[in-house]
N, C-alpha and C. Protein backbone atom coordinates (compact mmCIF):
# COMPACT_ATOMS: atom_id res chain seq x y z
N UNK A 1 -23.90 -15.15 -9.94
CA UNK A 1 -24.27 -14.28 -8.78
C UNK A 1 -23.98 -12.91 -9.28
N UNK A 2 -24.65 -12.21 -8.39
CA UNK A 2 -24.86 -10.61 -8.39
C UNK A 2 -24.76 -10.43 -7.57
N UNK A 3 -23.87 -9.27 -7.18
CA UNK A 3 -23.15 -8.77 -6.34
C UNK A 3 -23.67 -7.73 -5.86
N UNK A 4 -24.77 -6.71 -6.85
CA UNK A 4 -25.21 -6.11 -6.72
C UNK A 4 -24.37 -4.27 -6.26
N UNK A 5 -24.85 -3.51 -5.23
CA UNK A 5 -23.73 -2.24 -4.74
C UNK A 5 -22.44 -3.05 -4.00
N UNK A 6 -21.28 -2.21 -5.18
CA UNK A 6 -20.19 -2.71 -4.05
C UNK A 6 -18.89 -0.97 -4.40
N UNK A 7 -17.99 -0.80 -3.00
CA UNK A 7 -17.39 0.44 -3.86
C UNK A 7 -16.10 -0.19 -4.48
N UNK A 8 -15.61 -0.46 -6.00
CA UNK A 8 -14.74 -0.68 -6.51
C UNK A 8 -13.19 0.44 -6.02
N UNK A 9 -12.84 1.45 -5.87
CA UNK A 9 -12.30 1.78 -6.07
C UNK A 9 -12.51 3.43 -4.59
N UNK A 10 -11.83 3.84 -4.23
CA UNK A 10 -11.46 5.33 -3.55
C UNK A 10 -10.74 6.32 -3.72
N UNK A 11 -10.13 7.38 -4.77
CA UNK A 11 -9.45 8.45 -5.05
C UNK A 11 -9.33 9.44 -3.87
N UNK A 12 -8.21 9.49 -3.43
CA UNK A 12 -8.12 10.96 -2.47
C UNK A 12 -6.70 11.83 -2.45
N UNK A 13 -7.18 12.64 -2.09
CA UNK A 13 -6.10 13.47 -1.60
C UNK A 13 -5.65 13.63 -0.35
N UNK A 14 -6.24 12.59 0.22
CA UNK A 14 -5.81 12.25 2.53
C UNK A 14 -6.00 11.19 2.10
N UNK A 15 -5.00 10.03 1.92
CA UNK A 15 -5.16 8.70 2.52
C UNK A 15 -5.53 8.48 3.89
N UNK A 16 -5.05 9.63 4.76
CA UNK A 16 -6.07 9.14 6.05
C UNK A 16 -7.43 8.69 6.09
N UNK A 17 -7.93 9.63 5.24
CA UNK A 17 -9.47 9.42 5.16
C UNK A 17 -9.93 8.17 4.44
N UNK A 18 -9.34 7.25 4.11
CA UNK A 18 -9.46 6.17 3.77
C UNK A 18 -9.40 4.46 4.43
N UNK A 19 -10.58 4.24 4.49
CA UNK A 19 -10.17 2.83 5.44
C UNK A 19 -9.74 1.85 4.34
N UNK A 20 -8.68 1.31 4.92
CA UNK A 20 -8.21 -0.35 4.14
C UNK A 20 -9.34 -1.25 4.13
N UNK A 21 -9.23 -2.01 2.93
CA UNK A 21 -10.16 -3.07 2.36
C UNK A 21 -10.69 -2.42 1.01
N UNK A 22 -10.06 -1.15 0.13
CA UNK A 22 -10.20 -0.96 -0.83
C UNK A 22 -9.53 -0.87 -1.91
N UNK A 23 -9.52 -1.01 -2.91
CA UNK A 23 -8.46 -0.08 -3.84
C UNK A 23 -8.04 1.33 -3.59
N UNK A 24 -6.83 2.01 -3.14
CA UNK A 24 -6.91 3.27 -3.21
C UNK A 24 -5.98 4.37 -4.18
N UNK A 25 -6.41 5.15 -4.79
CA UNK A 25 -5.72 5.82 -5.72
C UNK A 25 -5.72 7.74 -4.94
N UNK A 26 -4.11 7.91 -4.80
CA UNK A 26 -4.07 9.25 -4.04
C UNK A 26 -3.70 10.15 -4.93
N UNK A 27 -4.55 10.75 -4.83
CA UNK A 27 -3.88 12.06 -5.86
C UNK A 27 -3.15 13.54 -4.81
N UNK A 28 -2.78 14.36 -5.49
CA UNK A 28 -1.87 15.23 -5.41
C UNK A 28 -2.87 16.83 -5.02
N UNK A 29 -3.61 16.56 -6.03
CA UNK A 29 -5.15 17.66 -5.43
C UNK A 29 -6.36 17.62 -6.40
N UNK A 30 -7.08 18.27 -6.04
CA UNK A 30 -8.37 17.90 -6.75
C UNK A 30 -8.80 17.77 -7.71
N UNK A 31 -7.83 18.20 -8.79
CA UNK A 31 -8.37 18.30 -10.62
C UNK A 31 -7.47 16.85 -10.91
N UNK A 32 -6.57 16.28 -10.70
CA UNK A 32 -5.77 15.00 -10.49
C UNK A 32 -7.13 14.29 -9.56
N UNK A 33 -7.51 14.29 -9.02
CA UNK A 33 -9.08 13.20 -8.54
C UNK A 33 -9.52 13.44 -9.43
N UNK A 34 -10.01 14.67 -10.25
CA UNK A 34 -11.72 14.38 -10.99
C UNK A 34 -11.05 14.01 -12.51
N UNK A 35 -9.89 13.67 -12.46
CA UNK A 35 -9.38 13.11 -13.96
C UNK A 35 -9.12 11.72 -13.50
N UNK A 36 -8.44 11.33 -12.03
CA UNK A 36 -9.14 9.87 -12.15
C UNK A 36 -10.30 9.34 -11.99
N UNK A 37 -10.95 10.26 -10.97
CA UNK A 37 -12.68 9.85 -11.32
C UNK A 37 -13.30 9.33 -12.58
N UNK A 38 -13.19 10.25 -13.10
CA UNK A 38 -13.37 10.26 -14.91
C UNK A 38 -13.38 9.03 -15.70
N UNK A 39 -12.06 8.61 -15.56
CA UNK A 39 -11.31 7.74 -16.02
C UNK A 39 -11.91 6.01 -15.40
N UNK A 40 -11.72 6.00 -14.06
CA UNK A 40 -12.09 4.85 -13.78
C UNK A 40 -13.52 4.48 -13.50
N UNK A 41 -14.57 5.65 -13.52
CA UNK A 41 -16.05 5.34 -13.87
C UNK A 41 -16.18 4.98 -15.28
N UNK A 42 -15.20 4.94 -16.04
CA UNK A 42 -15.52 4.54 -17.86
C UNK A 42 -15.00 2.74 -17.61
N UNK A 43 -13.39 3.20 -17.02
CA UNK A 43 -12.48 1.42 -17.39
C UNK A 43 -13.18 1.21 -16.15
N UNK A 44 -13.87 0.78 -14.89
CA UNK A 44 -14.84 -0.10 -14.44
C UNK A 44 -15.81 -0.12 -14.06
N UNK A 45 -16.47 0.37 -15.29
CA UNK A 45 -17.97 0.85 -15.53
C UNK A 45 -18.46 1.12 -14.11
N UNK A 46 -18.14 1.95 -13.55
CA UNK A 46 -19.26 2.76 -12.41
C UNK A 46 -19.30 4.12 -11.96
N UNK A 47 -19.75 4.45 -10.80
CA UNK A 47 -20.75 5.28 -10.80
C UNK A 47 -19.61 6.15 -10.08
N UNK A 48 -18.94 7.78 -10.24
CA UNK A 48 -18.33 8.35 -9.17
C UNK A 48 -18.59 9.13 -8.45
N UNK A 49 -18.82 8.72 -6.95
CA UNK A 49 -19.52 10.07 -6.03
C UNK A 49 -18.57 10.24 -5.13
N UNK A 50 -18.98 11.80 -4.85
CA UNK A 50 -18.39 12.60 -4.11
C UNK A 50 -18.68 12.30 -2.60
N UNK A 51 -17.68 12.20 -1.78
CA UNK A 51 -17.57 11.74 -0.53
C UNK A 51 -17.40 13.07 0.35
N UNK A 52 -16.54 13.41 -0.11
CA UNK A 52 -15.91 14.54 0.71
C UNK A 52 -15.36 15.05 0.09
N UNK A 53 -14.96 16.49 0.35
CA UNK A 53 -13.92 17.40 -0.78
C UNK A 53 -12.47 16.64 -0.91
N UNK A 54 -12.11 15.63 -0.22
CA UNK A 54 -11.34 15.01 -0.09
C UNK A 54 -11.53 13.33 -0.89
N UNK A 55 -12.62 13.15 -0.74
CA UNK A 55 -12.89 11.47 -0.79
C UNK A 55 -13.65 11.41 -2.06
N UNK A 56 -13.64 10.29 -3.15
CA UNK A 56 -14.35 9.95 -4.19
C UNK A 56 -14.69 9.02 -4.20
N UNK A 57 -15.19 8.04 -4.40
CA UNK A 57 -15.20 6.64 -4.60
C UNK A 57 -16.08 6.31 -5.56
N UNK A 58 -15.81 4.88 -6.53
CA UNK A 58 -16.12 4.30 -7.57
C UNK A 58 -17.65 3.14 -7.24
N UNK A 59 -18.40 3.20 -7.12
CA UNK A 59 -19.52 2.30 -6.98
C UNK A 59 -19.58 1.42 -7.68
N UNK A 60 -19.80 0.42 -7.90
CA UNK A 60 -20.80 -0.57 -8.68
C UNK A 60 -22.38 -0.45 -8.70
N UNK A 61 -23.00 0.04 -9.62
CA UNK A 61 -24.78 -0.04 -9.16
C UNK A 61 -25.48 -1.49 -9.76
């Protein structure tokens, strides 16, 4: 089975901006978001995309 593109995780400083249905990492500030995004890209074998200043998503392509 090949699933194509899908969201693996969301990283945010504002949990109200992320809908339920995926794993959410809540961070204190932008610097922590960048740290999580960089590490989760490698761990999950995905790509981080900035959706807004408050939300990143990790996507499997």
